[in-house]
């Protein structure tokens, strides 16, 4: 299963606003993609960093299409983001999921 990982630096003091922007604009746009499966948003408050891991079913957008998608939406973030987002493509090797509940003995 293909996955894209996008790393973004938020401006100092703007991390919460940048996360809201991600949730309000980028995640809904991802959900409209026909091959979208899931996304995980990770936040590092000590470094003002956001990492989005997006999973796709079997196939996914090309790297250039994914870059264009994220750049277009990050451009709308105004002064929330510093620098350029980095984007890398990975293959999901396995899903670990939550452990099933244990029965009470």
PDB file of N, CA and C in Angstrom:
ATOM      1  N   UNK A   1       0.850  -1.168   0.000  1.00  0.00           N
ATOM      2  CA  UNK A   1       0.000   0.000   0.000  1.00  0.00           C
ATOM      3  C   UNK A   1       0.902   1.238   0.000  1.00  0.00           C
ATOM      4  N   UNK A   2       0.689   2.162  -0.913  1.00  0.00           N
ATOM      5  CA  UNK A   2       1.518   3.358  -0.969  1.00  0.00           C
ATOM      6  C   UNK A   2       1.116   4.394   0.079  1.00  0.00           C
ATOM      7  N   UNK A   3       2.104   5.165   0.500  1.00  0.00           N
ATOM      8  CA  UNK A   3       1.876   6.230   1.475  1.00  0.00           C
ATOM      9  C   UNK A   3       2.764   7.415   1.134  1.00  0.00           C
ATOM     10  N   UNK A   4       2.255   8.601   1.386  1.00  0.00           N
ATOM     11  CA  UNK A   4       3.061   9.812   1.280  1.00  0.00           C
ATOM     12  C   UNK A   4       3.215  10.397   2.673  1.00  0.00           C
ATOM     13  N   UNK A   5       4.429  10.862   2.963  1.00  0.00           N
ATOM     14  CA  UNK A   5       4.719  11.522   4.228  1.00  0.00           C
ATOM     15  C   UNK A   5       5.113  12.952   3.906  1.00  0.00           C
ATOM     16  N   UNK A   6       4.377  13.893   4.488  1.00  0.00           N
ATOM     17  CA  UNK A   6       4.647  15.312   4.282  1.00  0.00           C
ATOM     18  C   UNK A   6       5.078  15.918   5.611  1.00  0.00           C
ATOM     19  N   UNK A   7       6.222  16.588   5.606  1.00  0.00           N
ATOM     20  CA  UNK A   7       6.729  17.282   6.790  1.00  0.00           C
ATOM     21  C   UNK A   7       6.648  18.785   6.555  1.00  0.00           C
ATOM     22  N   UNK A   8       6.131  19.488   7.568  1.00  0.00           N
ATOM     23  CA  UNK A   8       5.936  20.926   7.477  1.00  0.00           C
ATOM     24  C   UNK A   8       6.418  21.575   8.769  1.00  0.00           C
ATOM     25  N   UNK A   9       7.050  22.732   8.646  1.00  0.00           N
ATOM     26  CA  UNK A   9       7.435  23.519   9.828  1.00  0.00           C
ATOM     27  C   UNK A   9       6.445  24.662   9.993  1.00  0.00           C
ATOM     28  N   UNK A  10       5.928  24.802  11.197  1.00  0.00           N
ATOM     29  CA  UNK A  10       5.018  25.916  11.489  1.00  0.00           C
ATOM     30  C   UNK A  10       5.840  27.116  11.966  1.00  0.00           C
ATOM     31  N   UNK A  11       5.329  28.292  11.716  1.00  0.00           N
ATOM     32  CA  UNK A  11       5.960  29.497  12.243  1.00  0.00           C
ATOM     33  C   UNK A  11       5.898  29.437  13.768  1.00  0.00           C
ATOM     34  N   UNK A  12       6.876  30.012  14.460  1.00  0.00           N
ATOM     35  CA  UNK A  12       6.832  30.030  15.929  1.00  0.00           C
ATOM     36  C   UNK A  12       5.507  30.615  16.430  1.00  0.00           C
ATOM     37  N   UNK A  13       4.892  29.910  17.366  1.00  0.00           N
ATOM     38  CA  UNK A  13       3.626  30.353  17.941  1.00  0.00           C
ATOM     39  C   UNK A  13       2.403  30.087  17.083  1.00  0.00           C
ATOM     40  N   UNK A  14       2.582  29.434  15.929  1.00  0.00           N
ATOM     41  CA  UNK A  14       1.464  29.217  15.001  1.00  0.00           C
ATOM     42  C   UNK A  14       1.128  27.736  14.807  1.00  0.00           C
ATOM     43  N   UNK A  15       1.682  26.870  15.647  1.00  0.00           N
ATOM     44  CA  UNK A  15       1.488  25.438  15.454  1.00  0.00           C
ATOM     45  C   UNK A  15       0.015  25.031  15.544  1.00  0.00           C
ATOM     46  N   UNK A  16      -0.695  25.501  16.558  1.00  0.00           N
ATOM     47  CA  UNK A  16      -2.113  25.124  16.702  1.00  0.00           C
ATOM     48  C   UNK A  16      -2.930  25.595  15.511  1.00  0.00           C
ATOM     49  N   UNK A  17      -2.654  26.806  15.043  1.00  0.00           N
ATOM     50  CA  UNK A  17      -3.372  27.323  13.876  1.00  0.00           C
ATOM     51  C   UNK A  17      -3.040  26.515  12.623  1.00  0.00           C
ATOM     52  N   UNK A  18      -1.768  26.113  12.491  1.00  0.00           N
ATOM     53  CA  UNK A  18      -1.368  25.317  11.331  1.00  0.00           C
ATOM     54  C   UNK A  18      -2.055  23.951  11.348  1.00  0.00           C
ATOM     55  N   UNK A  19      -2.181  23.349  12.529  1.00  0.00           N
ATOM     56  CA  UNK A  19      -2.879  22.063  12.647  1.00  0.00           C
ATOM     57  C   UNK A  19      -4.353  22.238  12.276  1.00  0.00           C
ATOM     58  N   UNK A  20      -4.978  23.306  12.746  1.00  0.00           N
ATOM     59  CA  UNK A  20      -6.381  23.576  12.374  1.00  0.00           C
ATOM     60  C   UNK A  20      -6.512  23.723  10.864  1.00  0.00           C
ATOM     61  N   UNK A  21      -5.564  24.444  10.254  1.00  0.00           N
ATOM     62  CA  UNK A  21      -5.580  24.624   8.797  1.00  0.00           C
ATOM     63  C   UNK A  21      -5.496  23.266   8.092  1.00  0.00           C
ATOM     64  N   UNK A  22      -4.607  22.403   8.562  1.00  0.00           N
ATOM     65  CA  UNK A  22      -4.459  21.070   7.991  1.00  0.00           C
ATOM     66  C   UNK A  22      -5.777  20.303   8.082  1.00  0.00           C
ATOM     67  N   UNK A  23      -6.383  20.339   9.267  1.00  0.00           N
ATOM     68  CA  UNK A  23      -7.640  19.593   9.473  1.00  0.00           C
ATOM     69  C   UNK A  23      -8.788  20.145   8.652  1.00  0.00           C
ATOM     70  N   UNK A  24      -8.835  21.458   8.503  1.00  0.00           N
ATOM     71  CA  UNK A  24      -9.970  22.099   7.815  1.00  0.00           C
ATOM     72  C   UNK A  24      -9.841  22.121   6.303  1.00  0.00           C
ATOM     73  N   UNK A  25      -8.626  22.144   5.766  1.00  0.00           N
ATOM     74  CA  UNK A  25      -8.477  22.280   4.319  1.00  0.00           C
ATOM     75  C   UNK A  25      -7.837  21.081   3.640  1.00  0.00           C
ATOM     76  N   UNK A  26      -6.797  20.545   4.225  1.00  0.00           N
ATOM     77  CA  UNK A  26      -6.058  19.481   3.550  1.00  0.00           C
ATOM     78  C   UNK A  26      -6.725  18.121   3.733  1.00  0.00           C
ATOM     79  N   UNK A  27      -7.091  17.780   4.953  1.00  0.00           N
ATOM     80  CA  UNK A  27      -7.703  16.466   5.190  1.00  0.00           C
ATOM     81  C   UNK A  27      -9.017  16.311   4.419  1.00  0.00           C
ATOM     82  N   UNK A  28      -9.929  17.287   4.432  1.00  0.00           N
ATOM     83  CA  UNK A  28     -11.156  17.117   3.624  1.00  0.00           C
ATOM     84  C   UNK A  28     -10.870  16.963   2.125  1.00  0.00           C
ATOM     85  N   UNK A  29      -9.854  17.669   1.634  1.00  0.00           N
ATOM     86  CA  UNK A  29      -9.498  17.530   0.211  1.00  0.00           C
ATOM     87  C   UNK A  29      -8.933  16.143  -0.068  1.00  0.00           C
ATOM     88  N   UNK A  30      -8.147  15.610   0.853  1.00  0.00           N
ATOM     89  CA  UNK A  30      -7.624  14.250   0.687  1.00  0.00           C
ATOM     90  C   UNK A  30      -8.760  13.232   0.648  1.00  0.00           C
ATOM     91  N   UNK A  31      -9.739  13.411   1.512  1.00  0.00           N
ATOM     92  CA  UNK A  31     -10.856  12.456   1.586  1.00  0.00           C
ATOM     93  C   UNK A  31     -11.638  12.372   0.285  1.00  0.00           C
ATOM     94  N   UNK A  32     -11.568  13.394  -0.528  1.00  0.00           N
ATOM     95  CA  UNK A  32     -12.278  13.395  -1.817  1.00  0.00           C
ATOM     96  C   UNK A  32     -11.548  12.585  -2.878  1.00  0.00           C
ATOM     97  N   UNK A  33     -10.266  12.286  -2.643  1.00  0.00           N
ATOM     98  CA  UNK A  33      -9.503  11.507  -3.620  1.00  0.00           C
ATOM     99  C   UNK A  33     -10.021  10.077  -3.635  1.00  0.00           C
ATOM    100  N   UNK A  34     -10.272   9.537  -4.813  1.00  0.00           N
ATOM    101  CA  UNK A  34     -10.908   8.223  -4.920  1.00  0.00           C
ATOM    102  C   UNK A  34     -10.073   7.084  -4.339  1.00  0.00           C
ATOM    103  N   UNK A  35      -8.756   7.252  -4.265  1.00  0.00           N
ATOM    104  CA  UNK A  35      -7.904   6.184  -3.736  1.00  0.00           C
ATOM    105  C   UNK A  35      -7.478   6.419  -2.288  1.00  0.00           C
ATOM    106  N   UNK A  36      -7.940   7.515  -1.690  1.00  0.00           N
ATOM    107  CA  UNK A  36      -7.583   7.845  -0.308  1.00  0.00           C
ATOM    108  C   UNK A  36      -8.088   6.760   0.638  1.00  0.00           C
ATOM    109  N   UNK A  37      -7.245   6.391   1.592  1.00  0.00           N
ATOM    110  CA  UNK A  37      -7.656   5.410   2.598  1.00  0.00           C
ATOM    111  C   UNK A  37      -7.694   6.014   3.993  1.00  0.00           C
ATOM    112  N   UNK A  38      -6.600   6.661   4.408  1.00  0.00           N
ATOM    113  CA  UNK A  38      -6.546   7.212   5.759  1.00  0.00           C
ATOM    114  C   UNK A  38      -5.390   8.198   5.848  1.00  0.00           C
ATOM    115  N   UNK A  39      -5.426   9.022   6.876  1.00  0.00           N
ATOM    116  CA  UNK A  39      -4.324   9.952   7.135  1.00  0.00           C
ATOM    117  C   UNK A  39      -4.099  10.038   8.637  1.00  0.00           C
ATOM    118  N   UNK A  40      -2.853  10.189   9.010  1.00  0.00           N
ATOM    119  CA  UNK A  40      -2.462  10.348  10.406  1.00  0.00           C
ATOM    120  C   UNK A  40      -1.695  11.650  10.508  1.00  0.00           C
ATOM    121  N   UNK A  41      -2.079  12.481  11.437  1.00  0.00           N
ATOM    122  CA  UNK A  41      -1.415  13.770  11.635  1.00  0.00           C
ATOM    123  C   UNK A  41      -0.616  13.700  12.927  1.00  0.00           C
ATOM    124  N   UNK A  42       0.692  13.877  12.819  1.00  0.00           N
ATOM    125  CA  UNK A  42       1.587  13.858  13.974  1.00  0.00           C
ATOM    126  C   UNK A  42       2.112  15.272  14.211  1.00  0.00           C
ATOM    127  N   UNK A  43       2.226  15.662  15.477  1.00  0.00           N
ATOM    128  CA  UNK A  43       2.664  17.014  15.815  1.00  0.00           C
ATOM    129  C   UNK A  43       3.821  16.936  16.803  1.00  0.00           C
ATOM    130  N   UNK A  44       4.867  17.708  16.545  1.00  0.00           N
ATOM    131  CA  UNK A  44       6.010  17.827  17.446  1.00  0.00           C
ATOM    132  C   UNK A  44       6.051  19.272  17.951  1.00  0.00           C
ATOM    133  N   UNK A  45       5.411  19.543  19.098  1.00  0.00           N
ATOM    134  CA  UNK A  45       5.329  20.926  19.583  1.00  0.00           C
ATOM    135  C   UNK A  45       6.681  21.518  19.960  1.00  0.00           C
ATOM    136  N   UNK A  46       7.648  20.687  20.335  1.00  0.00           N
ATOM    137  CA  UNK A  46       8.969  21.200  20.696  1.00  0.00           C
ATOM    138  C   UNK A  46       9.712  21.780  19.496  1.00  0.00           C
ATOM    139  N   UNK A  47       9.406  21.262  18.320  1.00  0.00           N
ATOM    140  CA  UNK A  47      10.100  21.716  17.099  1.00  0.00           C
ATOM    141  C   UNK A  47       9.183  22.444  16.124  1.00  0.00           C
ATOM    142  N   UNK A  48       7.926  22.668  16.500  1.00  0.00           N
ATOM    143  CA  UNK A  48       6.947  23.322  15.609  1.00  0.00           C
ATOM    144  C   UNK A  48       6.812  22.566  14.290  1.00  0.00           C
ATOM    145  N   UNK A  49       6.744  21.241  14.357  1.00  0.00           N
ATOM    146  CA  UNK A  49       6.681  20.416  13.158  1.00  0.00           C
ATOM    147  C   UNK A  49       5.366  19.647  13.085  1.00  0.00           C
ATOM    148  N   UNK A  50       4.897  19.481  11.871  1.00  0.00           N
ATOM    149  CA  UNK A  50       3.711  18.676  11.574  1.00  0.00           C
ATOM    150  C   UNK A  50       4.131  17.628  10.550  1.00  0.00           C
ATOM    151  N   UNK A  51       3.688  16.390  10.772  1.00  0.00           N
ATOM    152  CA  UNK A  51       3.938  15.321   9.808  1.00  0.00           C
ATOM    153  C   UNK A  51       2.600  14.671   9.500  1.00  0.00           C
ATOM    154  N   UNK A  52       2.277  14.593   8.233  1.00  0.00           N
ATOM    155  CA  UNK A  52       1.049  13.944   7.789  1.00  0.00           C
ATOM    156  C   UNK A  52       1.425  12.693   7.006  1.00  0.00           C
ATOM    157  N   UNK A  53       0.909  11.556   7.443  1.00  0.00           N
ATOM    158  CA  UNK A  53       1.108  10.287   6.745  1.00  0.00           C
ATOM    159  C   UNK A  53      -0.216   9.946   6.084  1.00  0.00           C
ATOM    160  N   UNK A  54      -0.216   9.881   4.765  1.00  0.00           N
ATOM    161  CA  UNK A  54      -1.441   9.623   4.011  1.00  0.00           C
ATOM    162  C   UNK A  54      -1.327   8.279   3.310  1.00  0.00           C
ATOM    163  N   UNK A  55      -2.311   7.415   3.545  1.00  0.00           N
ATOM    164  CA  UNK A  55      -2.330   6.082   2.944  1.00  0.00           C
ATOM    165  C   UNK A  55      -3.329   6.038   1.794  1.00  0.00           C
ATOM    166  N   UNK A  56      -2.952   5.323   0.752  1.00  0.00           N
ATOM    167  CA  UNK A  56      -3.807   5.159  -0.419  1.00  0.00           C
ATOM    168  C   UNK A  56      -4.013   3.678  -0.686  1.00  0.00           C
ATOM    169  N   UNK A  57      -5.143   3.333  -1.321  1.00  0.00           N
ATOM    170  CA  UNK A  57      -5.427   1.949  -1.701  1.00  0.00           C
ATOM    171  C   UNK A  57      -4.687   1.596  -2.983  1.00  0.00           C
ATOM    172  N   UNK A  58      -3.872   0.577  -2.922  1.00  0.00           N
ATOM    173  CA  UNK A  58      -3.197  -0.056  -4.065  1.00  0.00           C
ATOM    174  C   UNK A  58      -2.410   0.904  -4.949  1.00  0.00           C
ATOM    175  N   UNK A  59      -3.022   1.934  -5.451  1.00  0.00           N
ATOM    176  CA  UNK A  59      -2.339   2.909  -6.305  1.00  0.00           C
ATOM    177  C   UNK A  59      -2.460   4.264  -5.632  1.00  0.00           C
ATOM    178  N   UNK A  60      -1.717   5.203  -6.113  1.00  0.00           N
ATOM    179  CA  UNK A  60      -1.797   6.531  -5.522  1.00  0.00           C
ATOM    180  C   UNK A  60      -1.407   7.568  -6.559  1.00  0.00           C
ATOM    181  N   UNK A  61      -1.605   8.830  -6.225  1.00  0.00           N
ATOM    182  CA  UNK A  61      -1.198   9.873  -7.164  1.00  0.00           C
ATOM    183  C   UNK A  61       0.310   9.803  -7.411  1.00  0.00           C
ATOM    184  N   UNK A  62       0.738  10.292  -8.559  1.00  0.00           N
ATOM    185  CA  UNK A  62       2.174  10.357  -8.825  1.00  0.00           C
ATOM    186  C   UNK A  62       2.812  11.344  -7.853  1.00  0.00           C
ATOM    187  N   UNK A  63       4.113  11.269  -7.701  1.00  0.00           N
ATOM    188  CA  UNK A  63       4.817  12.181  -6.793  1.00  0.00           C
ATOM    189  C   UNK A  63       4.606  13.627  -7.209  1.00  0.00           C
ATOM    190  N   UNK A  64       4.625  13.900  -8.511  1.00  0.00           N
ATOM    191  CA  UNK A  64       4.423  15.283  -8.955  1.00  0.00           C
ATOM    192  C   UNK A  64       3.000  15.759  -8.667  1.00  0.00           C
ATOM    193  N   UNK A  65       2.018  14.871  -8.830  1.00  0.00           N
ATOM    194  CA  UNK A  65       0.623  15.217  -8.508  1.00  0.00           C
ATOM    195  C   UNK A  65       0.464  15.465  -7.005  1.00  0.00           C
ATOM    196  N   UNK A  66       1.087  14.625  -6.185  1.00  0.00           N
ATOM    197  CA  UNK A  66       1.010  14.793  -4.731  1.00  0.00           C
ATOM    198  C   UNK A  66       1.683  16.093  -4.294  1.00  0.00           C
ATOM    199  N   UNK A  67       2.854  16.392  -4.858  1.00  0.00           N
ATOM    200  CA  UNK A  67       3.545  17.649  -4.525  1.00  0.00           C
ATOM    201  C   UNK A  67       2.672  18.853  -4.876  1.00  0.00           C
ATOM    202  N   UNK A  68       2.093  18.824  -6.062  1.00  0.00           N
ATOM    203  CA  UNK A  68       1.241  19.937  -6.497  1.00  0.00           C
ATOM    204  C   UNK A  68       0.039  20.093  -5.570  1.00  0.00           C
ATOM    205  N   UNK A  69      -0.562  18.968  -5.175  1.00  0.00           N
ATOM    206  CA  UNK A  69      -1.702  18.996  -4.267  1.00  0.00           C
ATOM    207  C   UNK A  69      -1.329  19.673  -2.950  1.00  0.00           C
ATOM    208  N   UNK A  70      -0.240  19.199  -2.315  1.00  0.00           N
ATOM    209  CA  UNK A  70       0.146  19.745  -1.015  1.00  0.00           C
ATOM    210  C   UNK A  70       0.636  21.184  -1.122  1.00  0.00           C
ATOM    211  N   UNK A  71       1.386  21.497  -2.148  1.00  0.00           N
ATOM    212  CA  UNK A  71       1.873  22.877  -2.300  1.00  0.00           C
ATOM    213  C   UNK A  71       0.725  23.853  -2.488  1.00  0.00           C
ATOM    214  N   UNK A  72      -0.264  23.464  -3.284  1.00  0.00           N
ATOM    215  CA  UNK A  72      -1.406  24.351  -3.516  1.00  0.00           C
ATOM    216  C   UNK A  72      -2.158  24.626  -2.223  1.00  0.00           C
ATOM    217  N   UNK A  73      -2.349  23.606  -1.412  1.00  0.00           N
ATOM    218  CA  UNK A  73      -3.080  23.803  -0.157  1.00  0.00           C
ATOM    219  C   UNK A  73      -2.232  24.494   0.904  1.00  0.00           C
ATOM    220  N   UNK A  74      -0.938  24.238   0.919  1.00  0.00           N
ATOM    221  CA  UNK A  74      -0.076  24.903   1.895  1.00  0.00           C
ATOM    222  C   UNK A  74       0.114  26.373   1.525  1.00  0.00           C
ATOM    223  N   UNK A  75       0.025  26.686   0.241  1.00  0.00           N
ATOM    224  CA  UNK A  75       0.146  28.081  -0.178  1.00  0.00           C
ATOM    225  C   UNK A  75      -0.984  28.921   0.412  1.00  0.00           C
ATOM    226  N   UNK A  76      -2.110  28.272   0.678  1.00  0.00           N
ATOM    227  CA  UNK A  76      -3.264  28.976   1.270  1.00  0.00           C
ATOM    228  C   UNK A  76      -3.124  29.151   2.778  1.00  0.00           C
ATOM    229  N   UNK A  77      -2.034  28.655   3.350  1.00  0.00           N
ATOM    230  CA  UNK A  77      -1.850  28.722   4.803  1.00  0.00           C
ATOM    231  C   UNK A  77      -1.319  30.076   5.261  1.00  0.00           C
ATOM    232  N   UNK A  78      -0.997  30.954   4.320  1.00  0.00           N
ATOM    233  CA  UNK A  78      -0.530  32.291   4.681  1.00  0.00           C
ATOM    234  C   UNK A  78       0.751  32.250   5.482  1.00  0.00           C
ATOM    235  N   UNK A  79       0.733  32.887   6.631  1.00  0.00           N
ATOM    236  CA  UNK A  79       1.946  32.994   7.450  1.00  0.00           C
ATOM    237  C   UNK A  79       2.062  31.886   8.497  1.00  0.00           C
ATOM    238  N   UNK A  80       1.328  30.786   8.347  1.00  0.00           N
ATOM    239  CA  UNK A  80       1.367  29.705   9.332  1.00  0.00           C
ATOM    240  C   UNK A  80       2.571  28.782   9.156  1.00  0.00           C
ATOM    241  N   UNK A  81       3.064  28.669   7.930  1.00  0.00           N
ATOM    242  CA  UNK A  81       4.103  27.705   7.588  1.00  0.00           C
ATOM    243  C   UNK A  81       5.394  28.431   7.230  1.00  0.00           C
ATOM    244  N   UNK A  82       6.521  27.835   7.662  1.00  0.00           N
ATOM    245  CA  UNK A  82       7.810  28.392   7.254  1.00  0.00           C
ATOM    246  C   UNK A  82       8.526  27.380   6.358  1.00  0.00           C
ATOM    247  N   UNK A  83       9.164  27.857   5.341  1.00  0.00           N
ATOM    248  CA  UNK A  83       9.880  26.976   4.422  1.00  0.00           C
ATOM    249  C   UNK A  83       8.948  26.163   3.545  1.00  0.00           C
ATOM    250  N   UNK A  84       9.544  25.262   2.790  1.00  0.00           N
ATOM    251  CA  UNK A  84       8.765  24.403   1.887  1.00  0.00           C
ATOM    252  C   UNK A  84       8.484  23.061   2.552  1.00  0.00           C
ATOM    253  N   UNK A  85       7.294  22.526   2.351  1.00  0.00           N
ATOM    254  CA  UNK A  85       7.015  21.185   2.871  1.00  0.00           C
ATOM    255  C   UNK A  85       7.865  20.151   2.125  1.00  0.00           C
ATOM    256  N   UNK A  86       8.272  19.116   2.823  1.00  0.00           N
ATOM    257  CA  UNK A  86       8.956  18.013   2.147  1.00  0.00           C
ATOM    258  C   UNK A  86       7.972  16.870   1.990  1.00  0.00           C
ATOM    259  N   UNK A  87       8.090  16.148   0.900  1.00  0.00           N
ATOM    260  CA  UNK A  87       7.178  15.059   0.595  1.00  0.00           C
ATOM    261  C   UNK A  87       8.001  13.844   0.180  1.00  0.00           C
ATOM    262  N   UNK A  88       7.697  12.702   0.782  1.00  0.00           N
ATOM    263  CA  UNK A  88       8.377  11.449   0.442  1.00  0.00           C
ATOM    264  C   UNK A  88       7.345  10.345   0.280  1.00  0.00           C
ATOM    265  N   UNK A  89       7.612   9.450  -0.638  1.00  0.00           N
ATOM    266  CA  UNK A  89       6.715   8.320  -0.887  1.00  0.00           C
ATOM    267  C   UNK A  89       7.305   7.074  -0.232  1.00  0.00           C
ATOM    268  N   UNK A  90       6.439   6.302   0.418  1.00  0.00           N
ATOM    269  CA  UNK A  90       6.828   5.066   1.075  1.00  0.00           C
ATOM    270  C   UNK A  90       5.861   3.965   0.663  1.00  0.00           C
ATOM    271  N   UNK A  91       6.230   2.734   0.975  1.00  0.00           N
ATOM    272  CA  UNK A  91       5.319   1.601   0.821  1.00  0.00           C
ATOM    273  C   UNK A  91       5.024   1.080   2.223  1.00  0.00           C
ATOM    274  N   UNK A  92       3.760   0.938   2.541  1.00  0.00           N
ATOM    275  CA  UNK A  92       3.369   0.397   3.841  1.00  0.00           C
ATOM    276  C   UNK A  92       3.620  -1.104   3.829  1.00  0.00           C
ATOM    277  N   UNK A  93       4.471  -1.538   4.707  1.00  0.00           N
ATOM    278  CA  UNK A  93       4.848  -2.947   4.769  1.00  0.00           C
ATOM    279  C   UNK A  93       3.828  -3.760   5.559  1.00  0.00           C
ATOM    280  N   UNK A  94       3.312  -3.202   6.655  1.00  0.00           N
ATOM    281  CA  UNK A  94       2.290  -3.896   7.435  1.00  0.00           C
ATOM    282  C   UNK A  94       1.562  -2.896   8.315  1.00  0.00           C
ATOM    283  N   UNK A  95       0.354  -3.245   8.691  1.00  0.00           N
ATOM    284  CA  UNK A  95      -0.430  -2.451   9.634  1.00  0.00           C
ATOM    285  C   UNK A  95      -0.440  -3.206  10.946  1.00  0.00           C
ATOM    286  N   UNK A  96      -0.140  -2.496  12.015  1.00  0.00           N
ATOM    287  CA  UNK A  96      -0.057  -3.155  13.304  1.00  0.00           C
ATOM    288  C   UNK A  96      -1.372  -3.121  14.057  1.00  0.00           C
ATOM    289  N   UNK A  97      -2.170  -2.089  13.878  1.00  0.00           N
ATOM    290  CA  UNK A  97      -3.485  -2.009  14.503  1.00  0.00           C
ATOM    291  C   UNK A  97      -3.472  -2.219  16.008  1.00  0.00           C
ATOM    292  N   UNK A  98      -4.579  -1.960  16.615  1.00  0.00           N
ATOM    293  CA  UNK A  98      -4.719  -2.135  18.052  1.00  0.00           C
ATOM    294  C   UNK A  98      -4.879  -3.609  18.391  1.00  0.00           C
ATOM    295  N   UNK A  99      -4.410  -3.979  19.559  1.00  0.00           N
ATOM    296  CA  UNK A  99      -4.585  -5.363  19.998  1.00  0.00           C
ATOM    297  C   UNK A  99      -6.062  -5.600  20.333  1.00  0.00           C
ATOM    298  N   UNK A 100      -6.547  -6.792  20.023  1.00  0.00           N
ATOM    299  CA  UNK A 100      -7.950  -7.078  20.372  1.00  0.00           C
ATOM    300  C   UNK A 100      -8.114  -7.109  21.897  1.00  0.00           C
ATOM    301  N   UNK A 101      -9.292  -6.767  22.368  1.00  0.00           N
ATOM    302  CA  UNK A 101      -9.506  -6.804  23.821  1.00  0.00           C
ATOM    303  C   UNK A 101      -9.354  -8.222  24.352  1.00  0.00           C
ATOM    304  N   UNK A 102      -8.807  -8.309  25.531  1.00  0.00           N
ATOM    305  CA  UNK A 102      -8.641  -9.628  26.159  1.00  0.00           C
ATOM    306  C   UNK A 102      -9.916 -10.007  26.889  1.00  0.00           C
ATOM    307  N   UNK A 103     -10.251 -11.280  26.809  1.00  0.00           N
ATOM    308  CA  UNK A 103     -11.448 -11.729  27.525  1.00  0.00           C
ATOM    309  C   UNK A 103     -11.168 -11.787  29.001  1.00  0.00           C
ATOM    310  N   UNK A 104     -12.198 -11.499  29.807  1.00  0.00           N
ATOM    311  CA  UNK A 104     -12.055 -11.543  31.267  1.00  0.00           C
ATOM    312  C   UNK A 104     -12.209 -12.989  31.702  1.00  0.00           C
ATOM    313  N   UNK A 105     -11.211 -13.454  32.407  1.00  0.00           N
ATOM    314  CA  UNK A 105     -11.257 -14.854  32.833  1.00  0.00           C
ATOM    315  C   UNK A 105     -11.628 -14.961  34.295  1.00  0.00           C
TER     316      UNK A 105
END
